[in-house]
Amino acid sequence: MDPDAIPLRFLPWLAWHLGVETWKDYWPEQVKRARVKAAIRIARKKGTAAAVREVCASFGANVAMREWFEKTPKGRPGTFEILMTVGARDGIPATAEYVADIIAEVDRAKRGTAHYTFTQGFSATGAQRIGAAVRAAVYRRLSLTDI
């Protein structure tokens, strides 16, 4: 079944069938559909860094992850860091509850023995306008001298 083609009212049933562990009614429709699309990929990779990245992406978050062996100097074995930015969804900024849902799903997708440090970034979009004006002018200097 195609998560993009199924009516929204049947989407929770498809999510349940595919093993999506958490479902919130307040999530936007595109997040619900993305969670259903990613369910099988996440289940196959569960316990890996790729699963954590996939979970964050399904919520519309950008994530930068560093595992202990990628740090200089090397970190404590079995640990990793997450820097996650969640932009506004449909013009509404991400709430603390929404971010907590993402963290809970990261906890489900990560390896059970791994511990992590979470840092939340902020992303915003906007427009910057730069204007300039040009005015043509002629400047002449007239000098008169007595003879």
Protein backbone atom coordinates (compact mmCIF):
# COMPACT_ATOMS: atom_id res chain seq x y z
CA MET A 1 0.00 0.00 0.00
CA ASP A 2 1.14 3.49 -0.82
CA PRO A 3 1.15 5.82 2.23
CA ASP A 4 0.76 8.81 -0.10
CA ALA A 5 -2.37 7.42 -1.76
CA ILE A 6 -4.24 6.06 1.26
CA PRO A 7 -6.91 8.33 2.82
CA LEU A 8 -5.81 10.02 6.04
CA ARG A 9 -8.46 8.27 8.15
CA PHE A 10 -6.94 4.85 7.30
CA LEU A 11 -3.34 5.90 7.85
CA PRO A 12 -3.21 4.93 11.58
CA TRP A 13 -4.23 1.38 10.67
CA LEU A 14 -1.49 1.12 8.06
CA ALA A 15 0.99 2.52 10.60
CA TRP A 16 -0.05 -0.11 13.13
CA HIS A 17 0.27 -2.83 10.49
CA LEU A 18 3.80 -1.68 9.58
CA GLY A 19 4.94 -1.48 13.20
CA VAL A 20 5.03 2.26 13.87
CA GLU A 21 5.30 2.26 17.66
CA THR A 22 4.03 5.76 18.39
CA TRP A 23 1.24 7.73 16.75
CA LYS A 24 0.05 11.19 17.78
CA ASP A 25 -3.07 12.86 16.41
CA TYR A 26 -1.51 16.32 16.55
CA TRP A 27 1.33 15.43 14.16
CA PRO A 28 0.95 17.07 10.74
CA GLU A 29 -0.22 14.86 7.90
CA GLN A 30 3.16 14.90 6.12
CA VAL A 31 4.89 13.65 9.29
CA LYS A 32 2.37 10.83 9.68
CA ARG A 33 2.88 9.77 6.07
CA ALA A 34 6.67 10.02 6.41
CA ARG A 35 6.60 7.87 9.57
CA VAL A 36 4.63 5.18 7.73
CA LYS A 37 6.97 5.32 4.69
CA ALA A 38 10.06 4.97 6.89
CA ALA A 39 8.69 2.25 9.22
CA ILE A 40 10.19 -0.75 7.43
CA ARG A 41 13.57 0.94 6.81
CA ILE A 42 13.78 1.91 10.50
CA ALA A 43 12.85 -1.60 11.64
CA ARG A 44 15.53 -3.15 9.42
CA LYS A 45 18.23 -0.80 10.72
CA LYS A 46 17.10 -0.65 14.36
CA GLY A 47 20.04 -0.31 16.74
CA THR A 48 22.22 1.56 14.24
CA ALA A 49 23.14 5.18 13.61
CA ALA A 50 21.31 4.96 10.28
CA ALA A 51 18.06 4.13 12.10
CA VAL A 52 18.47 7.18 14.35
CA ARG A 53 19.04 9.41 11.31
CA GLU A 54 16.02 7.89 9.55
CA VAL A 55 13.79 8.51 12.58
CA CYS A 56 14.81 12.16 12.77
CA ALA A 57 14.33 12.62 9.03
CA SER A 58 10.83 11.13 9.20
CA PHE A 59 9.90 13.90 11.65
CA GLY A 60 11.31 16.55 9.33
CA ALA A 61 14.36 17.22 11.50
CA ASN A 62 17.93 17.70 10.36
CA VAL A 63 20.40 15.78 12.46
CA ALA A 64 24.17 15.76 12.81
CA MET A 65 25.47 12.74 14.69
CA ARG A 66 28.94 11.95 16.01
CA GLU A 67 29.75 8.62 17.54
CA TRP A 68 32.44 8.23 20.18
CA PHE A 69 35.10 7.04 17.74
CA GLU A 70 34.51 10.02 15.41
CA LYS A 71 35.47 12.59 18.07
CA THR A 72 38.94 14.02 18.59
CA PRO A 73 40.06 12.95 21.14
CA LYS A 74 37.97 9.80 21.14
CA GLY A 75 34.98 9.86 23.43
CA ARG A 76 33.68 7.31 25.87
CA PRO A 77 32.88 4.01 24.11
CA GLY A 78 29.19 3.41 23.47
CA THR A 79 28.25 7.10 23.40
CA PHE A 80 27.23 9.52 20.69
CA GLU A 81 26.10 13.12 20.27
CA ILE A 82 23.07 14.39 18.40
CA LEU A 83 22.66 17.95 17.17
CA MET A 84 19.14 18.27 15.82
CA THR A 85 17.37 21.20 14.24
CA VAL A 86 13.64 21.15 13.75
CA GLY A 87 12.21 23.88 11.58
CA ALA A 88 8.68 25.20 11.57
CA ARG A 89 6.02 22.83 10.23
CA ASP A 90 3.28 24.52 8.22
CA GLY A 91 4.40 27.85 9.66
CA ILE A 92 4.05 26.61 13.26
CA PRO A 93 7.28 26.34 15.28
CA ALA A 94 8.17 22.96 16.79
CA THR A 95 6.80 22.56 20.31
CA ALA A 96 8.56 20.96 23.27
CA GLU A 97 6.09 18.07 23.07
CA TYR A 98 6.96 17.46 19.41
CA VAL A 99 10.71 17.47 20.17
CA ALA A 100 10.07 15.10 23.10
CA ASP A 101 8.30 12.74 20.67
CA ILE A 102 11.36 12.76 18.41
CA ILE A 103 13.66 12.04 21.36
CA ALA A 104 11.41 9.15 22.45
CA GLU A 105 11.60 7.66 18.96
CA VAL A 106 15.40 8.08 18.96
CA ASP A 107 15.44 6.13 22.24
CA ARG A 108 13.50 3.32 20.55
CA ALA A 109 15.71 3.26 17.44
CA LYS A 110 19.17 3.47 19.05
CA ARG A 111 21.14 0.53 20.36
CA GLY A 112 19.95 -0.31 23.87
CA THR A 113 23.39 0.02 25.44
CA ALA A 114 24.24 3.34 23.78
CA HIS A 115 23.97 6.66 25.60
CA TYR A 116 23.79 10.04 23.96
CA THR A 117 23.92 13.77 24.47
CA PHE A 118 21.15 15.72 22.78
CA THR A 119 21.52 19.31 21.64
CA GLN A 120 18.70 21.13 19.92
CA GLY A 121 19.47 23.73 17.32
CA PHE A 122 17.06 26.20 15.81
CA SER A 123 16.42 26.86 12.16
CA ALA A 124 14.40 29.68 10.76
CA THR A 125 13.69 30.93 7.30
CA GLY A 126 13.17 34.46 6.24
CA ALA A 127 13.81 36.96 3.52
CA GLN A 128 16.36 39.66 3.39
CA ARG A 129 15.95 42.52 1.01
CA ILE A 130 18.66 44.79 -0.16
CA GLY A 131 17.83 47.91 -2.08
CA ALA A 132 19.88 50.52 -3.81
CA ALA A 133 19.15 53.68 -5.73
CA VAL A 134 21.17 55.55 -8.27
CA ARG A 135 20.68 59.13 -9.30
CA ALA A 136 22.53 60.59 -12.22
CA ALA A 137 23.88 64.06 -11.57
CA VAL A 138 26.11 66.41 -13.49
CA TYR A 139 28.51 68.61 -11.59
CA ARG A 140 30.22 71.53 -13.26
CA ARG A 141 32.50 74.07 -11.73
CA LEU A 142 32.82 77.50 -13.26
CA SER A 143 35.85 79.58 -12.40
CA LEU A 144 36.02 83.29 -13.29
CA THR A 145 39.14 85.38 -13.06
CA ASP A 146 39.70 89.12 -13.46
CA ILE A 147 42.00 90.18 -16.27
